[in-house]
Amino acid sequence: MSALMISTIAVKDAAKFQEYLAKTQEVAQTFGAELVFRGKLDRVLNGNGGHQIVVVAKFPSAEKLNAWFDSPEYQPLIPLREEGAHMNMTAYDAIG
C-alpha cells in the first residue's frame, strides 16, 4: 500500500535548498517516489503557518519511503537540507 511523505518548509538559503531539492528528488525516484504536489503557502486559514512551501511525495510503500530516508544515498544530503531550510517531514501510510 502506498505511503506519503509531507514536508512543510521554511527556506533559509534558497540556493542550498534548490540544490537539496534536485539531489533528493533524484535519490527518491530510485525508491519509486513520485512528486504529488509542491506549492507555496497562500495563507494560513487556522493555526500556525511557520512555513513557505509544502511538498508531498508518494512512495509505493512505507517500506520504500523508510528505505529512502535511511539510505546511504540520502544521508549525505541531510546537512544540505539543514543549511537550506527548516523542514518538518512526516510519513503517512495509506489506510482503507
Protein backbone atom coordinates (compact mmCIF):
# COMPACT_ATOMS: atom_id res chain seq x y z
CA MET A 1 0.00 0.00 0.00
CA SER A 2 1.31 3.48 -0.85
CA ALA A 3 2.76 5.99 1.59
CA LEU A 4 3.08 9.77 1.53
CA MET A 5 5.89 11.99 2.74
CA ILE A 6 4.74 15.51 3.52
CA SER A 7 7.22 18.30 4.20
CA THR A 8 6.50 21.80 5.40
CA ILE A 9 9.43 24.03 4.59
CA ALA A 10 10.79 27.39 5.67
CA VAL A 11 13.66 28.30 3.33
CA LYS A 12 16.84 29.70 4.91
CA ASP A 13 19.18 29.64 1.90
CA ALA A 14 17.44 29.46 -1.49
CA ALA A 15 20.48 28.19 -3.44
CA LYS A 16 21.22 25.38 -0.99
CA PHE A 17 17.54 24.48 -0.79
CA GLN A 18 17.28 24.21 -4.59
CA GLU A 19 20.40 22.03 -4.65
CA TYR A 20 18.91 19.81 -1.93
CA LEU A 21 15.63 19.50 -3.84
CA ALA A 22 17.32 18.47 -7.07
CA LYS A 23 19.56 15.90 -5.42
CA THR A 24 16.92 14.45 -3.11
CA GLN A 25 14.39 14.05 -5.93
CA GLU A 26 16.97 12.11 -7.91
CA VAL A 27 17.61 9.75 -4.99
CA ALA A 28 13.92 9.42 -4.08
CA GLN A 29 12.99 8.44 -7.63
CA THR A 30 15.21 5.36 -7.31
CA PHE A 31 12.88 4.28 -4.46
CA GLY A 32 9.77 4.78 -6.61
CA ALA A 33 8.85 8.25 -5.33
CA GLU A 34 6.57 10.50 -7.35
CA LEU A 35 6.09 14.20 -6.71
CA VAL A 36 2.38 14.67 -5.99
CA PHE A 37 2.35 18.35 -5.07
CA ARG A 38 4.69 21.25 -4.44
CA GLY A 39 3.15 24.59 -3.58
CA LYS A 40 3.76 27.96 -1.98
CA LEU A 41 1.77 29.00 1.08
CA ASP A 42 -1.09 31.28 0.08
CA ARG A 43 -2.50 31.99 3.54
CA VAL A 44 -2.96 30.38 6.93
CA LEU A 45 -6.60 29.53 7.47
CA ASN A 46 -6.16 28.23 11.00
CA GLY A 47 -3.25 27.56 13.35
CA ASN A 48 0.39 28.48 12.82
CA GLY A 49 1.90 28.76 9.37
CA GLY A 50 5.62 28.96 10.03
CA HIS A 51 6.45 27.62 6.58
CA GLN A 52 6.53 28.84 2.99
CA ILE A 53 6.35 25.65 0.94
CA VAL A 54 4.70 22.23 1.14
CA VAL A 55 5.95 19.16 -0.73
CA VAL A 56 4.02 15.90 -0.99
CA ALA A 57 5.71 12.80 -2.42
CA LYS A 58 4.11 9.40 -2.91
CA PHE A 59 6.10 6.19 -2.43
CA PRO A 60 4.96 2.69 -3.40
CA SER A 61 5.01 1.63 0.27
CA ALA A 62 6.03 2.74 3.75
CA GLU A 63 8.98 0.36 3.45
CA LYS A 64 10.21 2.18 0.31
CA LEU A 65 9.74 5.58 1.98
CA ASN A 66 11.71 4.48 5.03
CA ALA A 67 14.37 2.85 2.87
CA TRP A 68 14.83 6.15 1.00
CA PHE A 69 15.04 8.23 4.19
CA ASP A 70 17.52 5.82 5.82
CA SER A 71 19.51 5.14 2.63
CA PRO A 72 23.25 5.76 2.33
CA GLU A 73 22.45 7.88 -0.75
CA TYR A 74 20.19 10.25 1.19
CA GLN A 75 22.30 10.62 4.35
CA PRO A 76 24.91 12.96 2.78
CA LEU A 77 22.06 15.30 1.75
CA ILE A 78 20.92 15.93 5.33
CA PRO A 79 23.49 18.69 6.07
CA LEU A 80 22.48 20.41 2.82
CA ARG A 81 18.81 20.14 3.86
CA GLU A 82 19.57 21.64 7.27
CA GLU A 83 21.60 24.50 5.77
CA GLY A 84 18.98 25.27 3.13
CA ALA A 85 15.76 25.07 5.09
CA HIS A 86 13.94 24.23 8.25
CA MET A 87 11.79 21.22 7.36
CA ASN A 88 9.15 19.23 9.17
CA MET A 89 8.95 15.88 7.39
CA THR A 90 6.20 13.38 8.17
CA ALA A 91 5.33 9.98 6.73
CA TYR A 92 1.82 8.63 6.28
CA ASP A 93 0.82 5.06 5.47
CA ALA A 94 -2.34 4.78 3.37
CA ILE A 95 -5.35 3.23 5.07
CA GLY A 96 -8.57 1.88 3.65
